[in-house]
Amino acid sequence: MRFPEGSSIVTLSPGTRVSSPRSLTSEFFAAADPEISFDGKSIIFAGKKRQSEPWQIWEAFADGTYPRQITHCAGDCLGPALLSKNQVAYTMVTGAGHRRTSNVYLCNLRGDGVHPITFGPGNYRVEAVLHNGRILVSARWPLTSAGAPAGERTLYTIQPDGSGLTLVRDTLAPHASIAGGRELANGALLFVESRPGGGLASVGQLAQLRPGALRASLVPIPAAVDVATAEMPGNRLLISRRAAAAYGHRHDLYSVSLRGMPRDSLFYADPRSSSLEPVLLRPHPAPEHYWSILHTGAQTGRLVCLDAYLAEDARGGRLEGTIATVRVLALDVPSARQFVLGEAPVESDGSFYAAVPADAPIRFQLIGPRGELLREQRSWIWVRNGEDRGCLGCHENQSLAPADHWPLALRRHGAPALLVGSAFARSAPALATKQ
């Protein structure tokens, strides 16, 4: 259970004493995940008034007055993040135990227009909204419901309409859990890397991926950082990290430098409780608005791959042999059953072009001339209604840029290979998400 003894969102100023913080959520048993409105006049947060209730998304004035419930989820709704045009993205958690799953939903601040923007396995969770309007999310790697270490997560970006899911290139070490993503004013992505079983010295390391960099680098500050940070003036960060060993797992707030200075300074500590998820209560720029070009009436989306032979883990970066077709499988999430939607031809340059059911989790298998399985994708992805989704390859290096050429699959075929499968063809109208 999250915060089983309760929690509160408080305000404090630099140098305040332990008794100085003022609670903004005294009416709630637990409150967390504060998000500040762009004008600095209100806060969006996750809260529950009674311990037995699920978490919901709420809005209140910046002084905590007049709280108003936004969502009415059957499960827990957590981690709100504000987009332009009065929209909010949040994580909805459903189920329990091994059936516990999470996906990203959007609605407006009135609570209307609720709809999902992630589909299929992965246990997606909202991290932040980037300056360009895309949403930074964390999810399992690979995007499966089972078969990967439970703590292995990484970062993806996605458009607010659920299109264009993209893996953030080369974060850090394999088998690590990447979370707590934030974007700094200079465009760098800041996140926390945790390695299961690595001991305190390797847990909660802060790292950043600078604009244009191919790989992330560690920020040399003390370990055991919490998953939320706040950017302060003077190229400094306000972080939550584990206090002295004598206090067990309690966290305090520290001000640290991003320039690699080894020293940090205590910002705030309370010996009776942990201090987590710091944010600055001030106005800040709104992200760019993304204008969706999806077709809500469409039942399919289109996929074009430029070169299926590209594979980062193959010798020379390319698969050997000949790929004849690409087989597309779909997943029925409630039953966990897989269906073959069909196969599309792969051209001599490695390109293929196919149309598949919208909002259905899909993955690919590369098939040889004799029907043999050459390689298969583990992660389940999707396309939205009328989305045109392109990829460079099937297992390519995320830092590569495509060659400037017109693929044979588009030159030879006026329309994509229609892969909907008999079972999905019968239920196609139900696959389209109504918005």
Protein backbone atom coordinates (compact mmCIF):
# COMPACT_ATOMS: atom_id res chain seq x y z
CA MET A 1 0.00 0.00 0.00
CA ARG A 2 1.24 3.47 -0.86
CA PHE A 3 1.75 5.66 2.25
CA PRO A 4 -0.06 3.28 4.63
CA GLU A 5 0.28 5.76 7.51
CA GLY A 6 -0.91 8.70 5.45
CA SER A 7 0.84 11.64 3.78
CA SER A 8 0.31 15.33 3.18
CA ILE A 9 1.36 18.00 0.69
CA VAL A 10 2.99 20.90 2.53
CA THR A 11 4.52 24.26 1.65
CA LEU A 12 7.78 25.52 3.09
CA SER A 13 10.40 28.16 2.38
CA PRO A 14 14.21 27.86 2.50
CA GLY A 15 15.43 27.94 6.07
CA THR A 16 12.09 27.18 7.71
CA ARG A 17 12.06 25.19 10.92
CA VAL A 18 10.46 21.76 11.33
CA SER A 19 7.30 23.28 12.75
CA SER A 20 6.96 25.82 9.91
CA PRO A 21 5.56 23.75 6.99
CA ARG A 22 1.85 24.24 6.39
CA SER A 23 -0.30 21.39 5.18
CA LEU A 24 -2.38 21.98 2.06
CA THR A 25 -4.27 18.69 2.31
CA SER A 26 -5.38 18.42 5.92
CA GLU A 27 -8.75 17.05 4.79
CA PHE A 28 -7.09 14.01 3.18
CA PHE A 29 -5.80 10.78 4.67
CA ALA A 30 -3.08 10.75 1.98
CA ALA A 31 -1.96 13.11 -0.77
CA ALA A 32 1.01 12.98 -3.16
CA ASP A 33 2.28 13.75 -6.68
CA PRO A 34 1.85 17.55 -6.59
CA GLU A 35 1.80 19.31 -9.98
CA ILE A 36 1.75 23.12 -10.20
CA SER A 37 -0.51 24.90 -12.69
CA PHE A 38 1.21 27.00 -15.34
CA ASP A 39 0.10 30.25 -13.69
CA GLY A 40 1.18 29.00 -10.24
CA LYS A 41 -2.28 29.57 -8.77
CA SER A 42 -3.41 25.97 -8.24
CA ILE A 43 -2.10 22.47 -7.62
CA ILE A 44 -3.12 19.17 -9.18
CA PHE A 45 -2.43 16.11 -7.02
CA ALA A 46 -3.35 12.54 -6.23
CA GLY A 47 -5.23 12.07 -3.00
CA LYS A 48 -7.74 10.07 -1.03
CA LYS A 49 -9.82 11.47 1.81
CA ARG A 50 -10.25 8.11 3.54
CA GLN A 51 -7.81 5.24 3.79
CA SER A 52 -10.26 2.78 2.24
CA GLU A 53 -10.83 4.87 -0.88
CA PRO A 54 -8.88 4.61 -4.15
CA TRP A 55 -6.51 7.40 -5.15
CA GLN A 56 -8.09 10.08 -7.36
CA ILE A 57 -6.83 13.20 -9.13
CA TRP A 58 -7.78 16.46 -7.43
CA GLU A 59 -7.33 20.19 -8.01
CA ALA A 60 -7.11 22.90 -5.34
CA PHE A 61 -6.01 26.49 -5.05
CA ALA A 62 -2.32 26.95 -4.25
CA ASP A 63 -3.20 27.52 -0.58
CA GLY A 64 -5.04 24.17 -0.43
CA THR A 65 -8.54 25.64 -0.30
CA TYR A 66 -11.53 24.42 -2.31
CA PRO A 67 -10.26 20.97 -3.33
CA ARG A 68 -12.20 19.57 -6.28
CA GLN A 69 -12.19 15.95 -7.45
CA ILE A 70 -11.33 15.53 -11.15
CA THR A 71 -11.35 11.75 -11.71
CA HIS A 72 -13.70 9.04 -10.48
CA CYS A 73 -11.63 5.91 -11.12
CA ALA A 74 -12.60 2.45 -9.94
CA GLY A 75 -8.90 1.80 -9.29
CA ASP A 76 -6.10 4.13 -8.23
CA CYS A 77 -5.38 7.23 -10.32
CA LEU A 78 -1.92 8.69 -9.68
CA GLY A 79 0.84 10.95 -10.99
CA PRO A 80 -1.00 13.79 -12.76
CA ALA A 81 0.88 15.85 -15.35
CA LEU A 82 -0.54 18.94 -17.04
CA LEU A 83 -0.72 19.43 -20.79
CA SER A 84 -1.84 22.49 -22.74
CA LYS A 85 -5.52 23.18 -23.40
CA ASN A 86 -6.55 22.20 -19.82
CA GLN A 87 -5.75 18.51 -20.22
CA VAL A 88 -4.20 16.26 -17.60
CA ALA A 89 -2.42 12.94 -18.09
CA TYR A 90 -2.39 10.43 -15.24
CA THR A 91 -1.70 6.80 -14.40
CA MET A 92 -4.66 4.50 -13.77
CA VAL A 93 -3.89 1.33 -11.80
CA THR A 94 -6.32 -1.60 -11.88
CA GLY A 95 -6.30 -5.14 -10.52
CA ALA A 96 -4.31 -6.57 -7.64
CA GLY A 97 -1.35 -8.87 -7.11
CA HIS A 98 0.06 -10.38 -10.30
CA ARG A 99 -2.95 -9.00 -12.20
CA ARG A 100 -2.12 -5.42 -11.21
CA THR A 101 -1.65 -3.30 -14.35
CA SER A 102 -1.37 0.39 -15.14
CA ASN A 103 -1.97 2.53 -18.20
CA VAL A 104 -1.91 6.22 -19.07
CA TYR A 105 -5.20 8.11 -19.42
CA LEU A 106 -6.12 11.66 -20.40
CA CYS A 107 -9.06 13.87 -19.46
CA ASN A 108 -9.72 17.57 -19.14
CA LEU A 109 -9.67 19.44 -15.84
CA ARG A 110 -13.46 19.11 -15.55
CA GLY A 111 -13.03 15.33 -15.55
CA ASP A 112 -14.67 14.92 -18.97
CA GLY A 113 -13.33 13.10 -22.02
CA VAL A 114 -11.59 10.26 -20.16
CA HIS A 115 -9.73 7.95 -22.55
CA PRO A 116 -6.59 5.77 -22.57
CA ILE A 117 -3.53 6.54 -24.66
CA THR A 118 -1.54 3.36 -23.92
CA PHE A 119 -2.64 -0.11 -24.95
CA GLY A 120 -1.35 -3.54 -24.08
CA PRO A 121 1.24 -4.85 -21.61
CA GLY A 122 3.95 -2.72 -20.08
CA ASN A 123 2.48 -1.18 -16.93
CA TYR A 124 2.84 2.38 -18.21
CA ARG A 125 3.28 5.25 -15.77
CA VAL A 126 3.30 9.03 -16.36
CA GLU A 127 6.59 10.73 -15.54
CA ALA A 128 6.32 14.25 -17.00
CA VAL A 129 5.16 16.36 -19.93
CA LEU A 130 8.07 17.58 -22.08
CA HIS A 131 8.47 21.10 -23.46
CA ASN A 132 7.51 19.90 -26.96
CA GLY A 133 4.19 18.52 -25.70
CA ARG A 134 5.14 14.84 -25.75
CA ILE A 135 4.54 12.80 -22.60
CA LEU A 136 7.45 11.06 -20.90
CA VAL A 137 6.36 7.70 -19.48
CA SER A 138 8.11 4.76 -17.85
CA ALA A 139 7.23 1.15 -18.57
CA ARG A 140 8.65 -2.35 -18.48
CA TRP A 141 11.42 -3.38 -20.81
CA PRO A 142 10.58 -5.28 -22.91
CA LEU A 143 6.90 -4.35 -23.16
CA THR A 144 5.50 -7.66 -21.99
CA SER A 145 3.22 -8.73 -19.16
CA ALA A 146 5.69 -11.39 -18.00
CA GLY A 147 9.13 -12.77 -18.69
CA ALA A 148 11.19 -9.73 -17.68
CA PRO A 149 12.59 -8.83 -14.25
CA ALA A 150 9.90 -7.07 -12.27
CA GLY A 151 12.09 -4.03 -11.57
CA GLU A 152 13.39 -3.56 -15.11
CA ARG A 153 11.79 -0.37 -16.45
CA THR A 154 12.88 2.36 -18.80
CA LEU A 155 11.65 5.57 -20.41
CA TYR A 156 9.51 6.15 -23.51
CA THR A 157 7.89 9.17 -25.10
CA ILE A 158 4.39 9.25 -26.56
CA GLN A 159 2.17 11.84 -28.20
CA PRO A 160 -0.88 13.01 -26.20
CA ASP A 161 -3.14 11.18 -28.67
CA GLY A 162 -1.39 7.86 -27.97
CA SER A 163 0.56 7.74 -31.22
CA GLY A 164 4.31 7.52 -31.78
CA LEU A 165 5.43 5.46 -28.78
CA THR A 166 9.24 5.71 -28.84
CA LEU A 167 11.95 4.24 -26.64
CA VAL A 168 14.29 6.87 -25.19
CA ARG A 169 17.67 6.02 -26.67
CA ASP A 170 20.47 4.54 -24.57
CA THR A 171 19.71 5.53 -21.01
CA LEU A 172 22.16 3.57 -18.87
CA ALA A 173 23.05 0.03 -17.90
CA PRO A 174 20.90 -2.99 -18.80
CA HIS A 175 18.73 -4.63 -16.13
CA ALA A 176 18.20 -1.28 -14.40
CA SER A 177 14.98 0.40 -13.38
CA ILE A 178 14.69 3.87 -14.90
CA ALA A 179 12.07 6.23 -13.45
CA GLY A 180 11.56 9.72 -12.07
CA GLY A 181 12.03 11.32 -15.49
CA ARG A 182 12.05 15.12 -15.68
CA GLU A 183 13.10 17.61 -18.35
CA LEU A 184 15.40 20.46 -17.37
CA ALA A 185 15.19 23.97 -18.81
CA ASN A 186 18.12 23.19 -21.14
CA GLY A 187 16.30 20.19 -22.63
CA ALA A 188 18.27 17.50 -20.77
CA LEU A 189 16.32 14.50 -19.46
CA LEU A 190 16.94 13.83 -15.78
CA PHE A 191 16.07 10.45 -14.29
CA VAL A 192 16.92 8.00 -11.51
CA GLU A 193 18.55 4.65 -12.20
CA SER A 194 18.15 1.81 -9.72
CA ARG A 195 19.74 -1.62 -9.99
CA PRO A 196 18.04 -4.49 -8.15
CA GLY A 197 20.28 -6.11 -5.55
CA GLY A 198 23.08 -3.63 -6.07
CA GLY A 199 23.28 -2.37 -2.51
CA LEU A 200 22.84 1.19 -1.29
CA ALA A 201 25.87 2.44 -3.22
CA SER A 202 24.24 1.65 -6.57
CA VAL A 203 20.58 2.36 -5.82
CA GLY A 204 18.95 5.63 -6.82
CA GLN A 205 21.71 7.16 -8.94
CA LEU A 206 20.77 10.40 -10.66
CA ALA A 207 21.61 10.58 -14.37
CA GLN A 208 20.95 12.90 -17.30
CA LEU A 209 20.69 12.58 -21.06
CA ARG A 210 21.82 15.88 -22.58
CA PRO A 211 20.40 17.16 -25.89
CA GLY A 212 22.28 15.54 -28.77
CA ALA A 213 24.09 13.04 -26.53
CA LEU A 214 24.03 9.39 -27.56
CA ARG A 215 24.35 8.11 -24.01
CA ALA A 216 23.37 9.21 -20.53
CA SER A 217 25.87 10.22 -17.85
CA LEU A 218 25.71 10.00 -14.08
CA VAL A 219 25.34 13.14 -12.00
CA PRO A 220 28.02 12.85 -9.27
CA ILE A 221 25.89 13.37 -6.18
CA PRO A 222 25.18 11.06 -3.21
CA ALA A 223 23.23 7.89 -3.96
CA ALA A 224 19.75 6.91 -2.80
CA VAL A 225 17.93 9.69 -4.61
CA ASP A 226 14.14 9.65 -4.65
CA VAL A 227 12.35 9.54 -8.01
CA ALA A 228 11.31 13.20 -8.01
CA THR A 229 13.50 16.28 -8.30
CA ALA A 230 12.93 20.00 -8.81
CA GLU A 231 15.13 22.40 -10.79
CA MET A 232 16.23 25.50 -8.91
CA PRO A 233 17.98 28.71 -10.01
CA GLY A 234 21.76 28.63 -10.30
CA ASN A 235 21.95 25.24 -12.04
CA ARG A 236 20.97 23.44 -8.86
CA LEU A 237 18.52 20.68 -8.05
CA LEU A 238 16.30 20.08 -5.06
CA ILE A 239 16.36 16.34 -4.44
CA SER A 240 14.99 13.90 -1.91
CA ARG A 241 17.55 11.39 -0.68
CA ARG A 242 18.03 9.02 2.19
CA ALA A 243 18.99 10.64 5.47
CA ALA A 244 21.77 9.48 7.78
CA ALA A 245 21.89 5.73 8.43
CA ALA A 246 20.75 6.29 12.00
CA TYR A 247 17.32 7.30 10.69
CA GLY A 248 16.71 4.15 8.62
CA HIS A 249 14.86 4.85 5.37
CA ARG A 250 13.78 8.41 6.14
CA HIS A 251 14.36 10.94 3.33
CA ASP A 252 15.31 14.63 3.61
CA LEU A 253 15.53 17.41 1.02
CA TYR A 254 18.95 18.55 -0.24
CA SER A 255 20.12 21.21 -2.67
CA VAL A 256 22.81 19.90 -5.05
CA SER A 257 24.73 21.28 -8.02
CA LEU A 258 24.41 19.90 -11.54
CA ARG A 259 27.95 21.04 -12.35
CA GLY A 260 29.44 18.04 -10.58
CA MET A 261 30.25 19.75 -7.29
CA PRO A 262 30.58 17.00 -4.67
CA ARG A 263 29.06 18.99 -1.81
CA ASP A 264 25.38 19.34 -1.12
CA SER A 265 23.44 21.33 1.45
CA LEU A 266 20.52 20.31 3.60
CA PHE A 267 17.38 22.15 2.52
CA TYR A 268 14.84 20.66 4.92
CA ALA A 269 14.59 17.77 7.39
CA ASP A 270 11.91 16.49 9.75
CA PRO A 271 13.06 13.75 12.16
CA ARG A 272 9.48 12.42 12.40
CA SER A 273 8.76 11.86 8.71
CA SER A 274 10.18 11.62 5.20
CA SER A 275 10.16 14.51 2.76
CA LEU A 276 9.52 13.43 -0.84
CA GLU A 277 8.55 14.74 -4.28
CA PRO A 278 9.73 18.36 -4.08
CA VAL A 279 8.27 20.87 -6.56
CA LEU A 280 8.62 24.65 -6.80
CA LEU A 281 5.39 26.58 -6.24
CA ARG A 282 5.76 29.18 -8.99
CA PRO A 283 4.49 29.94 -12.52
CA HIS A 284 6.18 28.09 -15.37
CA PRO A 285 5.78 27.88 -19.17
CA ALA A 286 3.12 25.61 -20.63
CA PRO A 287 4.30 22.90 -23.05
CA GLU A 288 3.61 23.18 -26.76
CA HIS A 289 0.23 21.94 -27.90
CA TYR A 290 0.19 18.82 -30.08
CA TRP A 291 -2.36 18.91 -32.88
CA SER A 292 -3.44 15.35 -33.52
CA ILE A 293 -3.90 14.16 -37.11
CA LEU A 294 -5.55 10.85 -36.22
CA HIS A 295 -8.79 9.79 -37.89
CA THR A 296 -11.14 8.74 -35.09
CA GLY A 297 -13.41 6.88 -37.52
CA ALA A 298 -10.61 4.71 -38.92
CA GLN A 299 -10.38 1.10 -37.81
CA THR A 300 -6.74 0.56 -38.77
CA GLY A 301 -3.34 2.21 -38.69
CA ARG A 302 -0.46 1.81 -41.14
CA LEU A 303 3.10 0.64 -40.54
CA VAL A 304 6.10 1.15 -42.80
CA CYS A 305 9.52 -0.32 -41.97
CA LEU A 306 12.50 0.94 -43.95
CA ASP A 307 14.86 -2.00 -43.40
CA ALA A 308 13.94 -5.08 -41.35
CA TYR A 309 17.51 -6.38 -41.69
CA LEU A 310 18.84 -3.75 -39.31
CA ALA A 311 19.63 -5.29 -35.91
CA GLU A 312 21.89 -3.74 -33.32
CA ASP A 313 22.76 -7.12 -31.78
CA ALA A 314 23.68 -8.78 -35.12
CA ARG A 315 27.16 -8.96 -36.63
CA GLY A 316 27.81 -5.76 -38.54
CA GLY A 317 24.44 -4.43 -37.46
CA ARG A 318 22.49 -6.46 -40.05
CA LEU A 319 20.72 -9.81 -40.02
CA GLU A 320 22.11 -12.53 -42.26
CA GLY A 321 20.02 -14.60 -44.67
CA THR A 322 16.83 -13.60 -46.46
CA ILE A 323 13.63 -12.27 -44.93
CA ALA A 324 10.61 -13.28 -47.01
CA THR A 325 7.71 -11.94 -44.96
CA VAL A 326 6.87 -10.27 -41.69
CA ARG A 327 4.20 -11.98 -39.60
CA VAL A 328 2.11 -9.74 -37.36
CA LEU A 329 0.58 -11.10 -34.15
CA ALA A 330 -2.05 -9.39 -32.00
CA LEU A 331 -2.83 -9.83 -28.32
CA ASP A 332 -6.23 -10.13 -26.69
CA VAL A 333 -5.31 -8.55 -23.35
CA PRO A 334 -8.08 -10.01 -21.10
CA SER A 335 -7.34 -13.60 -22.12
CA ALA A 336 -3.62 -13.12 -22.89
CA ARG A 337 -4.22 -15.06 -26.16
CA GLN A 338 -2.23 -14.26 -29.29
CA PHE A 339 -3.68 -14.16 -32.81
CA VAL A 340 -1.93 -14.16 -36.18
CA LEU A 341 -3.21 -11.21 -38.16
CA GLY A 342 -1.37 -12.18 -41.34
CA GLU A 343 1.91 -11.71 -43.21
CA ALA A 344 3.23 -8.90 -45.40
CA PRO A 345 5.98 -9.29 -48.02
CA VAL A 346 9.43 -7.94 -47.19
CA GLU A 347 11.17 -6.35 -50.18
CA SER A 348 14.80 -6.85 -51.16
CA ASP A 349 15.76 -3.60 -49.40
CA GLY A 350 14.16 -4.89 -46.17
CA SER A 351 11.09 -2.65 -46.32
CA PHE A 352 7.48 -3.64 -45.69
CA TYR A 353 4.14 -1.82 -45.57
CA ALA A 354 1.08 -3.08 -43.66
CA ALA A 355 -2.22 -1.96 -42.15
CA VAL A 356 -3.26 -3.44 -38.78
CA PRO A 357 -6.20 -3.00 -36.35
CA ALA A 358 -6.08 0.26 -34.37
CA ASP A 359 -5.39 0.16 -30.62
CA ALA A 360 -4.60 -3.58 -30.65
CA PRO A 361 -1.28 -4.70 -29.10
CA ILE A 362 0.85 -6.16 -31.91
CA ARG A 363 4.33 -7.59 -32.38
CA PHE A 364 6.34 -8.90 -35.34
CA GLN A 365 8.07 -12.09 -36.47
CA LEU A 366 10.55 -12.15 -39.38
CA ILE A 367 9.98 -15.23 -41.55
CA GLY A 368 12.47 -16.82 -43.95
CA PRO A 369 11.84 -18.25 -47.47
CA ARG A 370 11.05 -21.74 -46.08
CA GLY A 371 8.70 -20.44 -43.42
CA GLU A 372 11.35 -20.55 -40.70
CA LEU A 373 11.32 -18.03 -37.83
CA LEU A 374 14.38 -15.80 -38.13
CA ARG A 375 13.77 -13.23 -35.40
CA GLU A 376 10.83 -12.01 -33.33
CA GLN A 377 9.96 -8.93 -31.38
CA ARG A 378 9.19 -9.36 -27.68
CA SER A 379 7.58 -5.99 -27.01
CA TRP A 380 3.94 -5.32 -27.79
CA ILE A 381 3.27 -2.00 -29.50
CA TRP A 382 0.23 -0.48 -31.23
CA VAL A 383 -0.95 2.04 -33.81
CA ARG A 384 -3.85 4.45 -33.30
CA ASN A 385 -6.83 5.14 -35.53
CA GLY A 386 -5.46 6.29 -38.89
CA GLU A 387 -1.90 6.61 -37.56
CA ASP A 388 0.98 6.31 -40.03
CA ARG A 389 3.86 4.85 -38.04
CA GLY A 390 7.32 4.42 -39.47
CA CYS A 391 10.38 2.70 -38.10
CA LEU A 392 13.94 2.40 -39.29
CA GLY A 393 14.25 -1.32 -38.59
CA CYS A 394 13.09 -4.03 -36.24
CA HIS A 395 15.96 -4.11 -33.73
CA GLU A 396 17.95 -1.07 -34.80
CA ASN A 397 20.13 1.23 -32.72
CA GLN A 398 17.89 4.01 -31.39
CA SER A 399 20.55 6.64 -32.13
CA LEU A 400 20.65 5.89 -35.89
CA ALA A 401 19.13 8.16 -38.52
CA PRO A 402 17.48 6.62 -41.59
CA ALA A 403 19.07 6.78 -45.03
CA ASP A 404 17.41 9.19 -47.44
CA HIS A 405 15.68 6.82 -49.88
CA TRP A 406 12.18 5.80 -51.01
CA PRO A 407 11.61 2.18 -49.85
CA LEU A 408 10.53 -0.45 -52.36
CA ALA A 409 7.47 -1.36 -50.26
CA LEU A 410 6.02 2.10 -50.95
CA ARG A 411 7.14 2.24 -54.57
CA ARG A 412 5.67 -1.13 -55.56
CA HIS A 413 2.41 -1.12 -53.65
CA GLY A 414 -0.25 1.56 -53.77
CA ALA A 415 -1.87 0.26 -50.59
CA PRO A 416 -0.49 -1.55 -47.54
CA ALA A 417 -0.97 -5.27 -46.96
CA LEU A 418 -4.18 -5.46 -44.92
CA LEU A 419 -3.51 -7.65 -41.87
CA VAL A 420 -6.59 -7.80 -39.65
CA GLY A 421 -7.14 -11.55 -39.09
CA SER A 422 -10.54 -13.19 -39.09
CA ALA A 423 -11.14 -12.80 -35.35
CA PHE A 424 -10.17 -9.13 -35.36
CA ALA A 425 -12.05 -8.44 -38.57
CA ARG A 426 -15.30 -9.53 -36.90
CA SER A 427 -14.68 -7.30 -33.85
CA ALA A 428 -13.05 -4.36 -35.67
CA PRO A 429 -15.68 -1.76 -34.66
CA ALA A 430 -14.99 -2.49 -30.98
CA LEU A 431 -11.28 -1.86 -31.42
CA ALA A 432 -11.63 1.84 -32.10
CA THR A 433 -11.36 4.00 -28.99
CA LYS A 434 -14.13 6.60 -28.86
CA GLN A 435 -12.88 10.07 -27.97
